[in-house]
Amino acid sequence: DQLVTRQHGDGIYAGLPWFNEYWGRDSFIALPGALLVTGRFETARAVLTAFAEFMDMDPSSKFYGRVPNRVRPEDLDYHTTDGTPRFVIALHDYVRYSGDSDIIDELYPRVRASIEGALANWTDANGYLTHAENETWMDARRASDLAAYSPRDTRANDIQALWHGQLLAGAHFADALGEKDTARRWQETADRLARNFERDFTSPEHDYLADRLQANGEPDFRLRPNQFYAFDLIADQEQVARATRSAWQALVYPWGVASLSADDPFFHPYHLARDRYHKDQAYHNGTVWLWNNGIAMQRMVELGQVDPAWALFQNMNRMVLEDGVIGGLGENTDAWPHPGEDSPRLTGTYLQAWSN
């Protein structure tokens, strides 16, 4: 309730105190929990239609069909890949929750633009959605030369999962409006993507998924939590079980999901260690992100591993009631407690939409 606002149309602040503005990915990660399961359908509709107005609808633009990464009263920034598929998936979720089919007619031209723009400008020969190195949620860059601290170009695993979801939602909308050929084409694209993903993001040498394909096509098997979002693209359920176990054991602490395995040479256990490195160097290279707790718990529950998921959920409830802003979750914690301390320090924003 504190973060749902009307700053520039209806929207959801990403977090306080630093992100008192709308971010595409944050808004649509947060929207189901903030507005759909709570039955606030009128507000959810307003957020969706307001954000749709900010979509780049210039067919000559390389960002044609993208919703902004960030919406501020003074400017719009389109440099993100995941905000647009999350917008389309959130629209699909809204229709399923509310039964409001009228919005399909209203926003389908934007859905069509989002998919056709991606197909024209951002997909490769295998159907993968491509992107720059800092256009996923792991977007921290060095100020001096804008190099990414956690490069994930050109085909990150979570982006492919979101692209797959966007295609399926779009096919559903197209079919509902009688565009059978379009629905079939988008469905076939989604099916081909899934087949290629299972081939390219798995390896007999690893019990978990590659985090990305690099520009040269080589997989990067750095162990990160993004794979939790991509397991639906893997048909081999034994592979999913192995990957879930590997990721959980390497990344999940009692307080949340770390952004990188401690076995990695780039791992940073403390977000704020100013005498050693810039905070953004650690931001996605070890720091715990509470918003990833949900998908980590979901994957364990799907495999019947309820007790570990419940233990994490119990501790999240304790954090809500006892730590930081009482009644809400912040953005981050350290992966490890500092020497001599019993629990990790809270870092980042003190109230973060997607965490809640």
Protein backbone atom coordinates (compact mmCIF):
# COMPACT_ATOMS: atom_id res chain seq x y z
CA ASP A 1 0.00 0.00 0.00
CA GLN A 2 2.88 2.38 0.72
CA LEU A 3 4.39 1.83 -2.73
CA VAL A 4 1.31 1.92 -5.01
CA THR A 5 1.15 5.54 -6.14
CA ARG A 6 -0.02 7.96 -8.85
CA GLN A 7 3.23 9.78 -9.60
CA HIS A 8 3.16 9.56 -13.40
CA GLY A 9 -0.05 7.69 -14.03
CA ASP A 10 -0.79 4.73 -11.79
CA GLY A 11 2.22 2.68 -10.76
CA ILE A 12 4.27 1.00 -8.07
CA TYR A 13 7.39 2.56 -6.63
CA ALA A 14 10.31 0.14 -6.90
CA GLY A 15 11.56 0.88 -3.40
CA LEU A 16 12.29 3.48 -0.77
CA PRO A 17 14.27 5.62 -0.25
CA TRP A 18 16.18 5.52 -3.56
CA PHE A 19 13.70 4.18 -6.11
CA ASN A 20 10.71 6.50 -5.69
CA GLU A 21 9.80 5.96 -9.34
CA TYR A 22 8.39 3.22 -11.56
CA TRP A 23 10.59 0.48 -12.99
CA GLY A 24 9.18 -1.91 -15.59
CA ARG A 25 10.58 -5.15 -14.22
CA ASP A 26 9.94 -4.22 -10.58
CA SER A 27 6.36 -3.14 -11.26
CA PHE A 28 5.34 -6.38 -12.92
CA ILE A 29 7.22 -8.64 -10.53
CA ALA A 30 5.36 -6.90 -7.71
CA LEU A 31 1.94 -6.49 -9.36
CA PRO A 32 0.52 -10.01 -8.77
CA GLY A 33 1.25 -9.97 -5.05
CA ALA A 34 0.43 -6.31 -4.52
CA LEU A 35 -2.76 -6.08 -6.56
CA LEU A 36 -4.04 -9.41 -7.92
CA VAL A 37 -4.05 -11.75 -4.93
CA THR A 38 -5.39 -8.82 -2.89
CA GLY A 39 -8.27 -8.33 -5.33
CA ARG A 40 -7.36 -4.75 -6.25
CA PHE A 41 -8.26 -5.28 -9.89
CA GLU A 42 -9.20 -1.70 -10.70
CA THR A 43 -5.78 -0.48 -9.61
CA ALA A 44 -4.03 -3.35 -11.40
CA ARG A 45 -5.83 -2.43 -14.60
CA ALA A 46 -4.84 1.20 -14.19
CA VAL A 47 -1.17 0.26 -13.70
CA LEU A 48 -1.19 -1.93 -16.82
CA THR A 49 -2.91 0.60 -19.05
CA ALA A 50 -0.73 3.45 -17.77
CA PHE A 51 2.48 1.54 -18.47
CA ALA A 52 1.19 0.53 -21.91
CA GLU A 53 1.06 4.22 -22.83
CA PHE A 54 4.81 4.45 -22.29
CA MET A 55 5.61 1.62 -24.74
CA ASP A 56 7.82 2.64 -27.67
CA MET A 57 5.46 2.41 -30.64
CA ASP A 58 7.82 3.83 -33.26
CA PRO A 59 8.35 0.98 -35.81
CA SER A 60 11.69 2.50 -36.84
CA SER A 61 13.07 2.36 -33.29
CA LYS A 62 15.22 -0.57 -32.14
CA PHE A 63 13.16 -0.43 -28.94
CA TYR A 64 9.86 -0.81 -30.82
CA GLY A 65 7.45 -2.69 -28.58
CA ARG A 66 9.45 -2.22 -25.36
CA VAL A 67 8.03 -0.83 -22.16
CA PRO A 68 10.46 1.39 -20.26
CA ASN A 69 12.98 0.16 -17.77
CA ARG A 70 12.33 3.29 -15.73
CA VAL A 71 9.50 5.84 -15.76
CA ARG A 72 10.16 9.20 -14.14
CA PRO A 73 8.24 12.45 -14.62
CA GLU A 74 11.27 13.87 -16.43
CA ASP A 75 12.25 10.96 -18.71
CA LEU A 76 11.78 7.39 -19.94
CA ASP A 77 14.57 4.83 -20.25
CA TYR A 78 14.12 1.74 -22.44
CA HIS A 79 17.37 -0.08 -21.69
CA THR A 80 15.98 -3.29 -20.27
CA THR A 81 14.93 -6.59 -21.78
CA ASP A 82 12.87 -8.22 -19.03
CA GLY A 83 10.35 -5.44 -18.35
CA THR A 84 8.41 -6.07 -21.58
CA PRO A 85 7.84 -9.82 -21.23
CA ARG A 86 6.94 -9.27 -17.59
CA PHE A 87 4.36 -6.68 -18.70
CA VAL A 88 2.72 -9.15 -21.10
CA ILE A 89 2.80 -11.97 -18.54
CA ALA A 90 1.33 -9.67 -15.87
CA LEU A 91 -1.44 -8.71 -18.29
CA HIS A 92 -2.19 -12.40 -18.78
CA ASP A 93 -2.21 -12.92 -15.00
CA TYR A 94 -4.57 -9.97 -14.60
CA VAL A 95 -7.06 -11.43 -17.10
CA ARG A 96 -6.93 -14.80 -15.38
CA TYR A 97 -7.50 -13.31 -11.92
CA SER A 98 -10.09 -10.69 -12.81
CA GLY A 99 -11.95 -12.16 -15.78
CA ASP A 100 -11.68 -8.75 -17.49
CA SER A 101 -11.47 -9.81 -21.14
CA ASP A 102 -12.20 -6.29 -22.41
CA ILE A 103 -8.62 -5.29 -21.67
CA ILE A 104 -7.42 -7.80 -24.29
CA ASP A 105 -9.03 -5.75 -27.07
CA GLU A 106 -7.64 -2.58 -25.57
CA LEU A 107 -4.03 -3.66 -25.12
CA TYR A 108 -3.57 -6.36 -27.77
CA PRO A 109 -1.96 -3.90 -30.24
CA ARG A 110 0.71 -3.29 -27.60
CA VAL A 111 1.17 -7.02 -27.02
CA ARG A 112 1.52 -7.57 -30.75
CA ALA A 113 4.08 -4.75 -31.01
CA SER A 114 6.06 -6.19 -28.10
CA ILE A 115 6.41 -9.58 -29.77
CA GLU A 116 6.86 -8.45 -33.36
CA GLY A 117 9.39 -5.82 -32.26
CA ALA A 118 11.40 -8.46 -30.43
CA LEU A 119 11.24 -10.84 -33.40
CA ALA A 120 12.41 -8.11 -35.76
CA ASN A 121 15.17 -6.57 -33.65
CA TRP A 122 16.24 -8.80 -30.78
CA THR A 123 16.08 -12.50 -31.70
CA ASP A 124 18.77 -14.75 -33.14
CA ALA A 125 18.60 -17.71 -35.51
CA ASN A 126 17.67 -20.08 -32.66
CA GLY A 127 14.80 -17.91 -31.48
CA TYR A 128 16.60 -16.62 -28.38
CA LEU A 129 15.86 -13.10 -27.16
CA THR A 130 19.15 -11.18 -27.23
CA HIS A 131 20.14 -8.22 -25.10
CA ALA A 132 23.01 -6.05 -23.94
CA GLU A 133 25.15 -7.03 -20.95
CA ASN A 134 23.31 -4.89 -18.39
CA GLU A 135 19.73 -5.28 -19.67
CA THR A 136 18.65 -7.93 -17.17
CA TRP A 137 17.85 -7.37 -13.50
CA MET A 138 21.57 -7.82 -12.79
CA ASP A 139 22.28 -4.40 -14.22
CA ALA A 140 25.02 -2.78 -12.09
CA ARG A 141 27.69 -0.97 -14.12
CA ARG A 142 31.00 0.70 -13.38
CA ALA A 143 30.64 4.47 -13.55
CA SER A 144 33.96 5.12 -15.27
CA ASP A 145 33.37 3.09 -18.43
CA LEU A 146 29.84 1.63 -17.98
CA ALA A 147 31.21 -1.92 -17.99
CA ALA A 148 28.85 -4.39 -16.34
CA TYR A 149 29.90 -5.81 -12.99
CA SER A 150 27.85 -8.94 -13.77
CA PRO A 151 27.81 -9.26 -17.58
CA ARG A 152 25.00 -11.51 -18.81
CA ASP A 153 24.89 -10.83 -22.53
CA THR A 154 23.83 -11.97 -24.95
CA ARG A 155 21.21 -14.58 -23.96
CA ALA A 156 20.51 -14.93 -20.23
CA ASN A 157 18.54 -17.96 -19.04
CA ASP A 158 15.84 -16.02 -17.17
CA ILE A 159 15.31 -13.76 -20.18
CA GLN A 160 14.61 -16.80 -22.36
CA ALA A 161 12.09 -18.09 -19.82
CA LEU A 162 10.33 -14.71 -19.78
CA TRP A 163 10.39 -14.52 -23.58
CA HIS A 164 8.81 -17.99 -23.70
CA GLY A 165 6.09 -16.81 -21.29
CA GLN A 166 5.51 -13.68 -23.35
CA LEU A 167 5.07 -15.73 -26.53
CA LEU A 168 2.60 -18.11 -24.85
CA ALA A 169 0.58 -15.24 -23.37
CA GLY A 170 0.58 -13.47 -26.72
CA ALA A 171 -0.57 -16.64 -28.49
CA HIS A 172 -3.43 -16.92 -25.98
CA PHE A 173 -4.52 -13.34 -26.65
CA ALA A 174 -4.21 -13.75 -30.44
CA ASP A 175 -6.29 -16.92 -30.35
CA ALA A 176 -8.95 -15.22 -28.22
CA LEU A 177 -9.23 -12.47 -30.83
CA GLY A 178 -9.43 -14.85 -33.76
CA GLU A 179 -5.90 -14.30 -35.10
CA LYS A 180 -5.29 -18.03 -35.49
CA ASP A 181 -2.28 -17.76 -37.81
CA THR A 182 -0.53 -15.33 -35.48
CA ALA A 183 -1.28 -17.50 -32.46
CA ARG A 184 0.12 -20.56 -34.25
CA ARG A 185 3.27 -18.71 -35.34
CA TRP A 186 4.00 -17.43 -31.83
CA GLN A 187 3.30 -20.86 -30.32
CA GLU A 188 5.69 -22.50 -32.77
CA THR A 189 8.35 -19.92 -31.91
CA ALA A 190 7.90 -20.70 -28.21
CA ASP A 191 8.16 -24.45 -28.85
CA ARG A 192 11.36 -24.06 -30.87
CA LEU A 193 12.84 -21.85 -28.18
CA ALA A 194 12.20 -24.49 -25.51
CA ARG A 195 13.82 -27.23 -27.60
CA ASN A 196 16.93 -25.18 -28.25
CA PHE A 197 17.15 -24.04 -24.64
CA GLU A 198 17.31 -27.56 -23.26
CA ARG A 199 20.07 -28.39 -25.73
CA ASP A 200 22.19 -25.27 -25.18
CA PHE A 201 21.81 -24.51 -21.46
CA THR A 202 22.51 -27.99 -20.08
CA SER A 203 25.70 -30.03 -20.00
CA PRO A 204 26.63 -33.52 -18.75
CA GLU A 205 29.46 -31.87 -16.80
CA HIS A 206 27.14 -29.68 -14.73
CA ASP A 207 24.20 -30.46 -12.45
CA TYR A 208 22.76 -26.99 -13.02
CA LEU A 209 21.90 -24.72 -15.95
CA ALA A 210 24.17 -22.26 -17.70
CA ASP A 211 23.41 -18.71 -16.65
CA ARG A 212 23.76 -17.36 -20.19
CA LEU A 213 25.08 -17.91 -23.68
CA GLN A 214 27.87 -15.53 -24.53
CA ALA A 215 28.18 -13.69 -27.84
CA ASN A 216 30.34 -16.50 -29.23
CA GLY A 217 27.68 -19.06 -28.31
CA GLU A 218 29.63 -20.56 -25.42
CA PRO A 219 27.61 -21.22 -22.24
CA ASP A 220 28.64 -19.52 -19.00
CA PHE A 221 28.12 -21.94 -16.12
CA ARG A 222 28.56 -19.40 -13.34
CA LEU A 223 26.13 -20.60 -10.65
CA ARG A 224 23.43 -17.96 -10.15
CA PRO A 225 19.77 -18.07 -9.02
CA ASN A 226 18.36 -16.98 -12.39
CA GLN A 227 18.00 -20.61 -13.42
CA PHE A 228 15.13 -21.02 -10.95
CA TYR A 229 13.02 -19.01 -13.43
CA ALA A 230 13.99 -21.20 -16.39
CA PHE A 231 13.21 -24.72 -15.19
CA ASP A 232 9.89 -24.77 -17.04
CA LEU A 233 11.90 -24.88 -20.30
CA ILE A 234 13.53 -28.19 -19.28
CA ALA A 235 11.53 -31.32 -20.09
CA ASP A 236 13.93 -33.68 -18.26
CA GLN A 237 12.59 -33.58 -14.71
CA GLU A 238 15.62 -35.40 -13.32
CA GLN A 239 17.74 -32.55 -14.66
CA VAL A 240 15.39 -30.05 -13.00
CA ALA A 241 15.67 -31.90 -9.68
CA ARG A 242 19.46 -31.99 -9.83
CA ALA A 243 19.64 -28.31 -10.76
CA THR A 244 17.24 -27.33 -8.00
CA ARG A 245 19.30 -29.19 -5.43
CA SER A 246 22.59 -27.74 -6.70
CA ALA A 247 21.27 -24.18 -6.78
CA TRP A 248 19.58 -24.45 -3.39
CA GLN A 249 22.67 -25.90 -1.70
CA ALA A 250 25.00 -23.29 -3.22
CA LEU A 251 22.84 -20.18 -3.05
CA VAL A 252 20.13 -20.36 -0.39
CA TYR A 253 20.98 -19.13 3.10
CA PRO A 254 18.53 -18.99 6.02
CA TRP A 255 17.86 -15.32 5.20
CA GLY A 256 17.56 -15.59 1.44
CA VAL A 257 18.97 -16.36 -1.98
CA ALA A 258 22.46 -15.15 -2.86
CA SER A 259 23.19 -13.79 -6.32
CA LEU A 260 26.32 -15.91 -6.86
CA SER A 261 27.80 -19.10 -5.44
CA ALA A 262 30.43 -18.69 -2.73
CA ASP A 263 32.66 -21.05 -4.74
CA ASP A 264 32.95 -18.49 -7.53
CA PRO A 265 36.10 -16.33 -7.61
CA PHE A 266 33.93 -13.23 -8.10
CA PHE A 267 31.87 -13.91 -4.95
CA HIS A 268 31.56 -10.99 -2.51
CA PRO A 269 29.97 -11.91 0.85
CA TYR A 270 29.31 -8.33 1.97
CA HIS A 271 27.38 -5.76 -0.01
CA LEU A 272 28.99 -2.82 1.77
CA ALA A 273 32.73 -3.18 2.33
CA ARG A 274 33.95 0.24 1.25
CA ASP A 275 37.55 -0.42 2.24
CA ARG A 276 37.68 -3.35 -0.22
CA TYR A 277 35.45 -2.65 -3.23
CA HIS A 278 32.63 -0.55 -4.63
CA LYS A 279 29.21 -1.71 -3.43
CA ASP A 280 27.98 -2.33 -6.98
CA GLN A 281 30.78 -4.85 -7.47
CA ALA A 282 29.06 -6.98 -4.83
CA TYR A 283 25.45 -6.07 -5.73
CA HIS A 284 24.87 -9.10 -7.98
CA ASN A 285 27.97 -11.10 -7.05
CA GLY A 286 27.04 -12.56 -3.68
CA THR A 287 24.57 -10.14 -2.12
CA VAL A 288 21.28 -11.79 -1.09
CA TRP A 289 18.16 -10.63 -2.94
CA LEU A 290 14.99 -11.37 -0.98
CA TRP A 291 12.75 -11.25 -4.05
CA ASN A 292 14.30 -14.51 -5.30
CA ASN A 293 13.12 -16.36 -2.19
CA GLY A 294 9.70 -16.89 -3.74
CA ILE A 295 10.81 -18.76 -6.85
CA ALA A 296 13.38 -20.77 -4.86
CA MET A 297 10.67 -21.93 -2.45
CA GLN A 298 8.27 -22.65 -5.33
CA ARG A 299 10.77 -24.95 -7.06
CA MET A 300 11.40 -26.89 -3.86
CA VAL A 301 7.68 -27.28 -3.17
CA GLU A 302 7.14 -28.55 -6.73
CA LEU A 303 9.64 -31.31 -5.98
CA GLY A 304 8.01 -32.21 -2.66
CA GLN A 305 10.77 -30.58 -0.59
CA VAL A 306 8.43 -28.65 1.67
CA ASP A 307 10.50 -28.54 4.88
CA PRO A 308 13.46 -26.51 3.52
CA ALA A 309 11.08 -24.12 1.80
CA TRP A 310 9.05 -23.73 4.98
CA ALA A 311 12.18 -22.96 7.00
CA LEU A 312 13.05 -20.10 4.62
CA PHE A 313 9.46 -18.84 4.71
CA GLN A 314 9.40 -18.86 8.51
CA ASN A 315 12.57 -16.80 8.64
CA MET A 316 11.16 -14.33 6.11
CA ASN A 317 8.17 -13.84 8.40
CA ARG A 318 10.53 -13.26 11.31
CA MET A 319 12.39 -10.65 9.25
CA VAL A 320 9.12 -8.89 8.39
CA LEU A 321 8.15 -8.68 12.06
CA GLU A 322 11.51 -7.94 13.64
CA ASP A 323 14.06 -6.51 11.19
CA GLY A 324 14.31 -3.19 9.37
CA VAL A 325 10.94 -1.67 8.42
CA ILE A 326 8.47 -3.59 10.56
CA GLY A 327 5.75 -5.05 8.36
CA GLY A 328 7.82 -5.12 5.18
CA LEU A 329 10.89 -6.55 3.51
CA GLY A 330 13.83 -4.59 2.19
CA GLU A 331 15.96 -5.21 -0.86
CA ASN A 332 19.07 -7.09 0.25
CA THR A 333 21.12 -8.66 2.99
CA ASP A 334 24.75 -9.68 3.06
CA ALA A 335 25.38 -13.32 2.24
CA TRP A 336 27.38 -13.83 5.42
CA PRO A 337 27.32 -12.18 8.84
CA HIS A 338 30.26 -9.90 9.48
CA PRO A 339 32.89 -11.34 11.84
CA GLY A 340 31.61 -11.30 15.41
CA GLU A 341 27.96 -10.81 14.35
CA ASP A 342 25.16 -13.40 14.48
CA SER A 343 23.13 -12.37 11.45
CA PRO A 344 23.78 -10.64 8.13
CA ARG A 345 23.25 -6.92 7.81
CA LEU A 346 20.28 -5.52 5.90
CA THR A 347 21.37 -3.49 2.87
CA GLY A 348 19.82 -1.78 -0.14
CA THR A 349 16.42 -0.13 0.11
CA TYR A 350 14.57 -0.49 3.39
CA LEU A 351 11.25 -1.17 1.62
CA GLN A 352 11.35 -2.96 -1.76
CA ALA A 353 8.26 -3.74 -3.83
CA TRP A 354 9.38 -7.00 -5.40
CA SER A 355 10.61 -8.41 -2.10
CA ASN A 356 7.18 -7.89 -0.56
